Amino acid sequence: MKVHFLGVGEACDPERFNTSLLVLSGSKNHYILLDCGFTTPHRYFADCSDPDQLDALWISHFHGDHFLGIPLLLLRFWEMGRTKPLLLVGPPGLPEKVEKALDLAYPSFLGKLQYALQFSQLEDGGSLQAAGFLWQVAATEHSQPCLALRLTAGGKSVFYSGDGRPTLATANLAKGCTLVVHEAYRVVGQIANHGSLAECLVLARQAGCEKLAIVHVAHYEREREKVEIRRLLRESGLPGVFLPEPGEMLSL
């Protein structure tokens, strides 16, 4: 399994693109895109010339930096001549949100698509077998409903938090994962509805994960708290913890 960090920033980060991951399974080459914010489509297509490569798109929740790139993603697939159906997986209300976003961005465009959109909506605690992966979800603590996702294939598992503070359910979902990717909007202290670096380190210890990738750090904190970030990571006792940069790739 491989993970490509297309973006690792929060909504207003001017340098690191919105957090989005491209996950590739083993020998059968199934590609899953995790979240699709404002900046994601251009970053995705910078490395992809095959309109049929992507098998499925996961949307953790309906904040703009996690899903408002969908109209451009679908438009570019259409422009490139995609014919393969695209699976979209996310929380309840996903079809309506996608249709509304498309209608606002490009009225009447939905009817022009030459490939099918297939939707699967998951509730807290739900699961799905699709596109070469086992999908399992649990709710985080966020300002709107948000689902953390665990993807499993070929004996490897990736946990992706989306946004929100860890919960007991997400901690259980992360147990034994090869890689945990968790948002930490704050480095020190806490903020409502978002994770912190300290909480992520606790979660990683409890989960017994091999690697922990910290993403979605507030851009102003990532700069001004560089020393504290290095100290916390150094003293964490977790050899596999890191802050990925946009474009970084990881083989599991």
Protein backbone atom coordinates (compact mmCIF):
# COMPACT_ATOMS: atom_id res chain seq x y z
CA MET A 1 0.00 0.00 0.00
CA LYS A 2 1.19 3.52 -0.81
CA VAL A 3 0.03 6.90 0.47
CA HIS A 4 0.59 10.12 -1.46
CA PHE A 5 0.08 13.29 0.60
CA LEU A 6 -1.36 15.63 -2.03
CA GLY A 7 -1.95 18.30 0.61
CA VAL A 8 -1.43 18.56 4.36
CA GLY A 9 -2.77 22.03 5.21
CA GLU A 10 -5.92 23.49 6.68
CA ALA A 11 -8.37 25.71 4.80
CA CYS A 12 -6.32 28.93 4.93
CA ASP A 13 -2.80 27.54 4.58
CA PRO A 14 -1.22 29.44 1.64
CA GLU A 15 1.62 26.95 1.09
CA ARG A 16 0.56 23.37 1.82
CA PHE A 17 -2.72 22.77 -0.07
CA ASN A 18 -5.86 21.42 1.61
CA THR A 19 -5.35 18.08 3.34
CA SER A 20 -5.97 15.27 0.85
CA LEU A 21 -4.45 11.80 0.43
CA LEU A 22 -4.25 9.43 -2.51
CA VAL A 23 -4.15 5.82 -1.29
CA LEU A 24 -3.00 3.02 -3.60
CA SER A 25 -3.60 -0.61 -2.72
CA GLY A 26 -1.30 -3.47 -3.68
CA SER A 27 -1.09 -5.48 -6.87
CA LYS A 28 -4.53 -4.59 -8.25
CA ASN A 29 -3.77 -0.86 -8.19
CA HIS A 30 -6.96 0.52 -6.66
CA TYR A 31 -6.76 4.28 -6.14
CA ILE A 32 -8.77 6.05 -3.43
CA LEU A 33 -8.78 9.84 -2.96
CA LEU A 34 -9.42 10.98 0.61
CA ASP A 35 -11.14 14.38 0.68
CA CYS A 36 -11.27 16.89 -2.14
CA GLY A 37 -11.01 20.52 -1.06
CA PHE A 38 -10.51 23.75 -2.98
CA THR A 39 -6.91 22.99 -3.99
CA THR A 40 -7.07 19.22 -4.46
CA PRO A 41 -8.03 18.77 -8.16
CA HIS A 42 -5.09 20.75 -9.57
CA ARG A 43 -2.71 18.89 -7.27
CA TYR A 44 -4.24 15.53 -8.25
CA PHE A 45 -4.08 16.15 -11.99
CA ALA A 46 -0.51 17.42 -11.80
CA ASP A 47 0.48 13.76 -11.35
CA CYS A 48 -2.31 11.96 -13.20
CA SER A 49 -3.00 11.89 -16.93
CA ASP A 50 -5.32 8.85 -16.84
CA PRO A 51 -8.95 9.93 -16.38
CA ASP A 52 -9.97 6.40 -15.34
CA GLN A 53 -7.27 5.90 -12.70
CA LEU A 54 -9.32 6.93 -9.67
CA ASP A 55 -11.66 4.24 -8.35
CA ALA A 56 -13.31 6.06 -5.46
CA LEU A 57 -13.52 9.36 -3.60
CA TRP A 58 -14.00 9.62 0.17
CA ILE A 59 -15.52 12.73 1.74
CA SER A 60 -15.15 12.98 5.51
CA HIS A 61 -17.50 15.94 5.96
CA PHE A 62 -18.95 18.93 4.15
CA HIS A 63 -16.63 21.81 4.98
CA GLY A 64 -15.31 23.51 1.86
CA ASP A 65 -11.66 22.56 2.26
CA HIS A 66 -12.72 18.90 2.29
CA PHE A 67 -15.34 18.68 -0.47
CA LEU A 68 -15.72 21.81 -2.60
CA GLY A 69 -13.11 20.60 -5.09
CA ILE A 70 -15.55 17.96 -6.34
CA PRO A 71 -17.06 20.07 -9.17
CA LEU A 72 -13.65 20.73 -10.69
CA LEU A 73 -12.56 17.10 -10.21
CA LEU A 74 -15.63 15.84 -12.07
CA LEU A 75 -15.36 18.52 -14.75
CA ARG A 76 -11.75 17.63 -15.51
CA PHE A 77 -12.58 13.91 -15.65
CA TRP A 78 -15.31 14.75 -18.19
CA GLU A 79 -12.91 16.94 -20.20
CA MET A 80 -10.35 14.10 -20.25
CA GLY A 81 -12.95 11.61 -21.51
CA ARG A 82 -13.53 9.47 -18.43
CA THR A 83 -15.93 6.57 -18.97
CA LYS A 84 -15.35 4.51 -15.83
CA PRO A 85 -17.96 4.89 -13.03
CA LEU A 86 -16.73 6.79 -9.98
CA LEU A 87 -17.67 5.67 -6.47
CA LEU A 88 -18.24 8.46 -3.95
CA VAL A 89 -18.38 7.44 -0.29
CA GLY A 90 -19.16 9.65 2.68
CA PRO A 91 -21.66 10.69 5.35
CA PRO A 92 -25.43 10.79 4.87
CA GLY A 93 -26.49 13.56 2.52
CA LEU A 94 -23.53 13.07 0.18
CA PRO A 95 -25.54 12.81 -3.09
CA GLU A 96 -27.51 15.98 -2.33
CA LYS A 97 -24.38 17.94 -1.35
CA VAL A 98 -22.51 16.89 -4.50
CA GLU A 99 -25.47 17.74 -6.73
CA LYS A 100 -25.88 21.15 -5.08
CA ALA A 101 -22.17 21.95 -5.37
CA LEU A 102 -22.18 20.96 -9.05
CA ASP A 103 -25.27 23.04 -9.73
CA LEU A 104 -23.72 26.11 -8.10
CA ALA A 105 -20.39 25.70 -9.87
CA TYR A 106 -21.53 24.52 -13.30
CA PRO A 107 -25.33 24.60 -13.77
CA SER A 108 -26.74 21.69 -15.79
CA PHE A 109 -23.32 20.03 -15.97
CA LEU A 110 -24.38 16.88 -14.12
CA GLY A 111 -26.46 15.75 -17.08
CA LYS A 112 -23.45 15.98 -19.39
CA LEU A 113 -21.31 13.45 -17.56
CA GLN A 114 -20.43 10.43 -19.67
CA TYR A 115 -19.55 8.34 -16.63
CA ALA A 116 -21.76 7.24 -13.74
CA LEU A 117 -21.54 8.58 -10.19
CA GLN A 118 -22.20 5.82 -7.68
CA PHE A 119 -22.88 6.85 -4.07
CA SER A 120 -22.47 4.97 -0.83
CA GLN A 121 -23.45 6.69 2.44
CA LEU A 122 -22.02 5.43 5.73
CA GLU A 123 -23.30 6.03 9.24
CA ASP A 124 -21.16 6.13 12.38
CA GLY A 125 -19.86 2.59 12.93
CA GLY A 126 -20.64 1.52 9.38
CA SER A 127 -18.50 -0.45 6.95
CA LEU A 128 -18.25 -1.23 3.25
CA GLN A 129 -16.27 -3.55 1.00
CA ALA A 130 -15.53 -1.72 -2.25
CA ALA A 131 -12.78 -0.75 -4.70
CA GLY A 132 -10.35 -3.27 -3.27
CA PHE A 133 -10.62 -2.01 0.33
CA LEU A 134 -12.54 -2.62 3.52
CA TRP A 135 -13.91 0.76 4.61
CA GLN A 136 -14.80 1.31 8.30
CA VAL A 137 -15.88 4.61 9.86
CA ALA A 138 -16.41 6.28 13.23
CA ALA A 139 -17.55 9.79 14.18
CA THR A 140 -15.09 12.44 15.36
CA GLU A 141 -15.92 15.48 17.51
CA HIS A 142 -16.29 18.32 15.03
CA SER A 143 -18.49 21.36 14.39
CA GLN A 144 -20.46 19.36 11.85
CA PRO A 145 -20.81 15.59 11.44
CA CYS A 146 -17.47 14.13 10.38
CA LEU A 147 -16.39 10.53 9.94
CA ALA A 148 -12.90 9.13 10.43
CA LEU A 149 -12.05 6.35 7.99
CA ARG A 150 -10.02 3.15 8.20
CA LEU A 151 -9.02 1.59 4.87
CA THR A 152 -7.70 -1.98 4.91
CA ALA A 153 -6.19 -4.00 2.06
CA GLY A 154 -3.44 -6.59 1.76
CA GLY A 155 -2.86 -6.77 5.50
CA LYS A 156 -2.23 -3.00 5.80
CA SER A 157 -4.52 -0.34 7.27
CA VAL A 158 -4.59 3.45 6.97
CA PHE A 159 -6.61 5.58 9.40
CA TYR A 160 -7.60 9.10 8.29
CA SER A 161 -9.31 11.39 10.78
CA GLY A 162 -10.79 14.01 8.53
CA ASP A 163 -11.39 16.87 10.97
CA GLY A 164 -12.23 16.70 14.64
CA ARG A 165 -10.96 15.67 18.04
CA PRO A 166 -10.44 11.96 18.69
CA THR A 167 -13.27 10.04 20.30
CA LEU A 168 -13.40 6.63 21.95
CA ALA A 169 -14.87 5.25 18.73
CA THR A 170 -12.11 6.70 16.53
CA ALA A 171 -9.43 5.51 18.97
CA ASN A 172 -10.82 1.99 18.68
CA LEU A 173 -10.96 2.31 14.89
CA ALA A 174 -7.29 3.31 14.78
CA LYS A 175 -6.03 0.35 16.82
CA GLY A 176 -3.31 -1.64 15.09
CA CYS A 177 -3.24 0.55 11.97
CA THR A 178 -0.07 0.66 9.94
CA LEU A 179 -0.47 4.43 9.50
CA VAL A 180 -2.62 6.94 11.39
CA VAL A 181 -3.11 10.30 9.65
CA HIS A 182 -4.67 12.75 12.09
CA GLU A 183 -5.41 16.44 12.06
CA ALA A 184 -3.84 18.57 14.79
CA TYR A 185 -5.06 22.10 14.24
CA ARG A 186 -3.44 23.16 17.49
CA VAL A 187 0.06 22.27 18.63
CA VAL A 188 -0.40 23.15 22.29
CA GLY A 189 -3.60 23.42 24.28
CA GLN A 190 -7.00 22.59 22.87
CA ILE A 191 -9.56 24.16 20.60
CA ALA A 192 -13.19 23.16 20.25
CA ASN A 193 -13.93 20.62 17.54
CA HIS A 194 -10.32 20.07 16.44
CA GLY A 195 -7.48 17.80 17.45
CA SER A 196 -4.21 18.84 19.04
CA LEU A 197 -0.73 17.43 18.63
CA ALA A 198 -0.73 16.22 22.23
CA GLU A 199 -4.02 14.35 21.71
CA CYS A 200 -2.70 12.75 18.52
CA LEU A 201 0.37 11.45 20.33
CA VAL A 202 -1.83 9.92 23.03
CA LEU A 203 -4.04 8.33 20.37
CA ALA A 204 -1.02 6.85 18.57
CA ARG A 205 0.28 5.28 21.78
CA GLN A 206 -3.13 3.80 22.59
CA ALA A 207 -3.63 2.55 19.04
CA GLY A 208 -0.21 0.95 18.79
CA CYS A 209 0.18 2.23 15.23
CA GLU A 210 3.46 1.92 13.36
CA LYS A 211 3.43 5.47 11.98
CA LEU A 212 1.64 8.72 12.80
CA ALA A 213 1.36 11.57 10.26
CA ILE A 214 0.28 14.95 11.63
CA VAL A 215 -1.69 17.11 9.16
CA HIS A 216 -4.01 20.14 9.08
CA VAL A 217 -1.92 22.14 11.57
CA ALA A 218 -2.95 25.82 11.68
CA HIS A 219 -0.52 27.55 9.32
CA TYR A 220 0.40 30.24 11.86
CA GLU A 221 1.07 27.65 14.56
CA ARG A 222 3.13 25.44 12.29
CA GLU A 223 5.50 28.38 11.79
CA ARG A 224 5.64 29.98 15.22
CA GLU A 225 5.69 26.70 17.18
CA LYS A 226 8.47 24.97 15.20
CA VAL A 227 10.64 24.50 18.28
CA GLU A 228 7.78 23.14 20.38
CA ILE A 229 6.71 20.78 17.59
CA ARG A 230 10.22 19.35 17.34
CA ARG A 231 10.41 18.97 21.10
CA LEU A 232 7.05 17.18 21.36
CA LEU A 233 7.91 14.80 18.53
CA ARG A 234 11.39 14.13 19.92
CA GLU A 235 10.10 13.41 23.42
CA SER A 236 7.05 11.43 22.30
CA GLY A 237 8.87 8.10 22.26
CA LEU A 238 7.18 7.36 18.92
CA PRO A 239 9.82 6.78 16.23
CA GLY A 240 7.26 6.78 13.41
CA VAL A 241 5.71 10.22 13.98
CA PHE A 242 6.24 12.95 11.35
CA LEU A 243 4.77 16.04 9.68
CA PRO A 244 4.51 15.26 5.96
CA GLU A 245 4.95 17.92 3.31
CA PRO A 246 2.79 18.22 0.16
CA GLY A 247 3.87 15.69 -2.43
CA GLU A 248 5.46 13.33 0.06
CA MET A 249 4.91 9.61 -0.62
CA LEU A 250 4.99 6.74 1.84
CA SER A 251 5.15 2.99 1.16
CA LEU A 252 3.63 0.77 3.87
